Amino acid sequence: SSGGGGGGGDSMPKSKPYPGATLEEEIAFHYTQAAAAGILEGKVNLAWAHAHGVGAPRNLSHAAELLYDACVDSPSEVDAVAPALALIAVTCWGAWERGAEALGLGWMLERMGLFGYVNDGNSGGDDNSIDAGTVAAAAGEEAS
């Protein structure tokens, strides 16, 4: 058989990543296959999945790499506009999160609903997280 795809001799591509996969995981799996095949929309959609952690591990760096590849692989400058704008957005998002973490402002991002950062007291937390009671007190609420 000729190269391309490395399907291990399978004549049909896999339709699910594994038994019991969620719908989001199945969709991300298909985006992964499309991205590996060089399909521009697959790279952009997989980047979105990684940026938001939907069906794939949340990873802004990987999302940025996929968007950069989509820009480089675009057949024209016009086709590169959407992935380029998304790349700028993901890069800014990552810089915002890193800056907020460095300043100890993860609680603010959690409060704004941007990402799960507040330590509920059960997970041990880390140096940059604060407990939910502190967030509630800062917001003038009672901790639950």
C-alpha atoms as a PDB file:
ATOM      1  CA  SER A   1       0.000   0.000   0.000  1.00  0.00           C
ATOM      2  CA  SER A   2       1.152   3.568  -0.578  1.00  0.00           C
ATOM      3  CA  GLY A   3       2.163   5.876   2.252  1.00  0.00           C
ATOM      4  CA  GLY A   4      -0.072   8.409   3.896  1.00  0.00           C
ATOM      5  CA  GLY A   5      -2.178   8.068   6.954  1.00  0.00           C
ATOM      6  CA  GLY A   6      -0.378   5.109   8.519  1.00  0.00           C
ATOM      7  CA  GLY A   7      -3.652   3.357   9.196  1.00  0.00           C
ATOM      8  CA  GLY A   8      -1.877   0.139  10.111  1.00  0.00           C
ATOM      9  CA  GLY A   9      -3.465  -1.722   7.214  1.00  0.00           C
ATOM     10  CA  ASP A  10      -7.009  -0.737   8.187  1.00  0.00           C
ATOM     11  CA  SER A  11      -9.126  -0.029   5.153  1.00  0.00           C
ATOM     12  CA  MET A  12     -11.556   2.115   7.164  1.00  0.00           C
ATOM     13  CA  PRO A  13     -10.548   4.957   9.478  1.00  0.00           C
ATOM     14  CA  LYS A  14     -11.546   4.620  13.107  1.00  0.00           C
ATOM     15  CA  SER A  15     -14.831   6.322  13.882  1.00  0.00           C
ATOM     16  CA  LYS A  16     -14.316   6.642  17.648  1.00  0.00           C
ATOM     17  CA  PRO A  17     -11.226   7.262  19.748  1.00  0.00           C
ATOM     18  CA  TYR A  18     -12.228   4.509  22.212  1.00  0.00           C
ATOM     19  CA  PRO A  19     -15.388   2.789  23.432  1.00  0.00           C
ATOM     20  CA  GLY A  20     -17.423   5.040  25.685  1.00  0.00           C
ATOM     21  CA  ALA A  21     -15.923   8.285  24.387  1.00  0.00           C
ATOM     22  CA  THR A  22     -18.064  11.373  24.904  1.00  0.00           C
ATOM     23  CA  LEU A  23     -19.514  13.205  21.922  1.00  0.00           C
ATOM     24  CA  GLU A  24     -16.974  15.999  22.470  1.00  0.00           C
ATOM     25  CA  GLU A  25     -14.108  13.481  22.485  1.00  0.00           C
ATOM     26  CA  GLU A  26     -15.399  11.906  19.269  1.00  0.00           C
ATOM     27  CA  ILE A  27     -15.591  15.304  17.592  1.00  0.00           C
ATOM     28  CA  ALA A  28     -12.077  16.236  18.742  1.00  0.00           C
ATOM     29  CA  PHE A  29     -10.897  12.845  17.474  1.00  0.00           C
ATOM     30  CA  HIS A  30     -12.269  13.634  14.011  1.00  0.00           C
ATOM     31  CA  TYR A  31     -10.698  17.103  14.136  1.00  0.00           C
ATOM     32  CA  THR A  32      -7.394  15.388  14.951  1.00  0.00           C
ATOM     33  CA  GLN A  33      -7.759  13.098  11.938  1.00  0.00           C
ATOM     34  CA  ALA A  34      -8.619  16.044   9.677  1.00  0.00           C
ATOM     35  CA  ALA A  35      -5.683  18.088  11.016  1.00  0.00           C
ATOM     36  CA  ALA A  36      -3.310  15.153  10.451  1.00  0.00           C
ATOM     37  CA  ALA A  37      -4.601  14.941   6.870  1.00  0.00           C
ATOM     38  CA  GLY A  38      -3.677  18.602   6.383  1.00  0.00           C
ATOM     39  CA  ILE A  39      -7.241  19.933   6.298  1.00  0.00           C
ATOM     40  CA  LEU A  40      -7.174  23.589   7.331  1.00  0.00           C
ATOM     41  CA  GLU A  41     -10.566  23.518   9.069  1.00  0.00           C
ATOM     42  CA  GLY A  42      -9.494  20.452  11.052  1.00  0.00           C
ATOM     43  CA  LYS A  43      -6.484  22.338  12.423  1.00  0.00           C
ATOM     44  CA  VAL A  44      -8.554  25.385  13.336  1.00  0.00           C
ATOM     45  CA  ASN A  45     -11.322  23.318  14.956  1.00  0.00           C
ATOM     46  CA  LEU A  46      -8.838  21.167  16.877  1.00  0.00           C
ATOM     47  CA  ALA A  47      -7.130  24.351  18.077  1.00  0.00           C
ATOM     48  CA  TRP A  48     -10.510  25.566  19.363  1.00  0.00           C
ATOM     49  CA  ALA A  49     -11.058  22.252  21.166  1.00  0.00           C
ATOM     50  CA  HIS A  50      -7.640  22.521  22.869  1.00  0.00           C
ATOM     51  CA  ALA A  51      -8.096  26.207  23.698  1.00  0.00           C
ATOM     52  CA  HIS A  52     -11.389  25.484  25.454  1.00  0.00           C
ATOM     53  CA  GLY A  53     -10.650  21.975  26.739  1.00  0.00           C
ATOM     54  CA  VAL A  54     -13.673  20.528  24.945  1.00  0.00           C
ATOM     55  CA  GLY A  55     -13.077  16.905  23.967  1.00  0.00           C
ATOM     56  CA  ALA A  56      -9.331  17.423  24.247  1.00  0.00           C
ATOM     57  CA  PRO A  57      -6.997  18.478  27.033  1.00  0.00           C
ATOM     58  CA  ARG A  58      -6.938  22.259  27.484  1.00  0.00           C
ATOM     59  CA  ASN A  59      -3.619  23.388  26.078  1.00  0.00           C
ATOM     60  CA  LEU A  60      -3.229  26.928  24.758  1.00  0.00           C
ATOM     61  CA  SER A  61       0.313  26.246  23.525  1.00  0.00           C
ATOM     62  CA  HIS A  62      -0.862  23.359  21.347  1.00  0.00           C
ATOM     63  CA  ALA A  63      -3.804  25.460  20.139  1.00  0.00           C
ATOM     64  CA  ALA A  64      -1.369  28.210  19.125  1.00  0.00           C
ATOM     65  CA  GLU A  65       0.844  25.708  17.281  1.00  0.00           C
ATOM     66  CA  LEU A  66      -2.141  24.357  15.353  1.00  0.00           C
ATOM     67  CA  LEU A  67      -3.288  27.855  14.435  1.00  0.00           C
ATOM     68  CA  TYR A  68       0.213  28.835  13.326  1.00  0.00           C
ATOM     69  CA  ASP A  69       0.371  25.720  11.129  1.00  0.00           C
ATOM     70  CA  ALA A  70      -3.054  26.604   9.712  1.00  0.00           C
ATOM     71  CA  CYS A  71      -1.775  30.085   8.819  1.00  0.00           C
ATOM     72  CA  VAL A  72       1.366  28.718   7.159  1.00  0.00           C
ATOM     73  CA  ASP A  73      -0.540  25.997   5.305  1.00  0.00           C
ATOM     74  CA  SER A  74      -3.325  28.302   4.081  1.00  0.00           C
ATOM     75  CA  PRO A  75      -3.591  28.332   0.281  1.00  0.00           C
ATOM     76  CA  SER A  76      -3.943  32.135   0.222  1.00  0.00           C
ATOM     77  CA  GLU A  77      -3.578  35.166   2.447  1.00  0.00           C
ATOM     78  CA  VAL A  78      -7.361  35.460   2.602  1.00  0.00           C
ATOM     79  CA  ASP A  79      -7.643  31.893   3.933  1.00  0.00           C
ATOM     80  CA  ALA A  80      -5.004  32.707   6.568  1.00  0.00           C
ATOM     81  CA  VAL A  81      -6.965  35.595   8.092  1.00  0.00           C
ATOM     82  CA  ALA A  82      -9.266  33.569  10.383  1.00  0.00           C
ATOM     83  CA  PRO A  83      -6.516  31.335  11.826  1.00  0.00           C
ATOM     84  CA  ALA A  84      -4.245  34.375  12.216  1.00  0.00           C
ATOM     85  CA  LEU A  85      -6.889  36.255  14.204  1.00  0.00           C
ATOM     86  CA  ALA A  86      -7.551  33.151  16.312  1.00  0.00           C
ATOM     87  CA  LEU A  87      -3.786  32.803  16.898  1.00  0.00           C
ATOM     88  CA  ILE A  88      -3.621  36.396  18.159  1.00  0.00           C
ATOM     89  CA  ALA A  89      -6.594  35.747  20.465  1.00  0.00           C
ATOM     90  CA  VAL A  90      -5.133  32.496  21.876  1.00  0.00           C
ATOM     91  CA  THR A  91      -1.744  34.153  22.401  1.00  0.00           C
ATOM     92  CA  CYS A  92      -3.340  37.070  24.259  1.00  0.00           C
ATOM     93  CA  TRP A  93      -5.481  34.682  26.303  1.00  0.00           C
ATOM     94  CA  GLY A  94      -2.401  32.705  27.331  1.00  0.00           C
ATOM     95  CA  ALA A  95      -0.472  35.862  28.216  1.00  0.00           C
ATOM     96  CA  TRP A  96      -3.427  37.115  30.270  1.00  0.00           C
ATOM     97  CA  GLU A  97      -3.649  33.857  32.221  1.00  0.00           C
ATOM     98  CA  ARG A  98       0.092  33.661  32.833  1.00  0.00           C
ATOM     99  CA  GLY A  99       0.148  37.282  33.945  1.00  0.00           C
ATOM    100  CA  ALA A 100      -2.833  36.817  36.228  1.00  0.00           C
ATOM    101  CA  GLU A 101      -1.294  33.695  37.757  1.00  0.00           C
ATOM    102  CA  ALA A 102       2.021  35.473  38.335  1.00  0.00           C
ATOM    103  CA  LEU A 103       0.161  38.283  40.108  1.00  0.00           C
ATOM    104  CA  GLY A 104      -1.946  35.855  42.161  1.00  0.00           C
ATOM    105  CA  LEU A 105      -5.149  36.924  40.397  1.00  0.00           C
ATOM    106  CA  GLY A 106      -6.398  33.461  39.486  1.00  0.00           C
ATOM    107  CA  TRP A 107      -9.368  33.989  41.802  1.00  0.00           C
ATOM    108  CA  MET A 108     -10.455  36.949  39.658  1.00  0.00           C
ATOM    109  CA  LEU A 109     -10.403  34.846  36.500  1.00  0.00           C
ATOM    110  CA  GLU A 110     -12.463  32.176  38.265  1.00  0.00           C
ATOM    111  CA  ARG A 111     -14.950  34.790  39.431  1.00  0.00           C
ATOM    112  CA  MET A 112     -15.265  36.055  35.860  1.00  0.00           C
ATOM    113  CA  GLY A 113     -15.850  32.459  34.722  1.00  0.00           C
ATOM    114  CA  LEU A 114     -12.716  32.389  32.557  1.00  0.00           C
ATOM    115  CA  PHE A 115     -11.200  29.240  34.000  1.00  0.00           C
ATOM    116  CA  GLY A 116     -11.418  26.964  37.024  1.00  0.00           C
ATOM    117  CA  TYR A 117      -8.774  28.271  39.345  1.00  0.00           C
ATOM    118  CA  VAL A 118     -10.170  28.525  42.867  1.00  0.00           C
ATOM    119  CA  ASN A 119      -8.915  25.958  45.353  1.00  0.00           C
ATOM    120  CA  ASP A 120     -11.915  24.330  47.002  1.00  0.00           C
ATOM    121  CA  GLY A 121      -9.749  23.258  49.935  1.00  0.00           C
ATOM    122  CA  ASN A 122      -9.911  19.581  48.962  1.00  0.00           C
ATOM    123  CA  SER A 123      -7.323  19.450  46.212  1.00  0.00           C
ATOM    124  CA  GLY A 124      -4.398  20.929  48.106  1.00  0.00           C
ATOM    125  CA  GLY A 125      -4.193  23.952  45.812  1.00  0.00           C
ATOM    126  CA  ASP A 126      -0.928  25.511  44.768  1.00  0.00           C
ATOM    127  CA  ASP A 127       0.992  28.695  45.454  1.00  0.00           C
ATOM    128  CA  ASN A 128      -1.143  30.733  43.056  1.00  0.00           C
ATOM    129  CA  SER A 129      -4.597  29.607  44.146  1.00  0.00           C
ATOM    130  CA  ILE A 130      -6.684  30.853  47.025  1.00  0.00           C
ATOM    131  CA  ASP A 131      -9.490  29.134  48.829  1.00  0.00           C
ATOM    132  CA  ALA A 132     -13.148  29.607  47.952  1.00  0.00           C
ATOM    133  CA  GLY A 133     -13.869  31.275  51.315  1.00  0.00           C
ATOM    134  CA  THR A 134     -11.416  34.046  50.532  1.00  0.00           C
ATOM    135  CA  VAL A 135     -13.065  34.602  47.151  1.00  0.00           C
ATOM    136  CA  ALA A 136     -16.516  34.704  48.769  1.00  0.00           C
ATOM    137  CA  ALA A 137     -15.286  37.160  51.417  1.00  0.00           C
ATOM    138  CA  ALA A 138     -13.757  39.391  48.743  1.00  0.00           C
ATOM    139  CA  ALA A 139     -17.090  39.353  46.915  1.00  0.00           C
ATOM    140  CA  GLY A 140     -19.045  40.100  50.100  1.00  0.00           C
ATOM    141  CA  GLU A 141     -20.676  36.678  50.200  1.00  0.00           C
ATOM    142  CA  GLU A 142     -20.666  33.828  52.686  1.00  0.00           C
ATOM    143  CA  ALA A 143     -18.667  30.730  51.721  1.00  0.00           C
ATOM    144  CA  SER A 144     -20.820  27.674  51.124  1.00  0.00           C
END
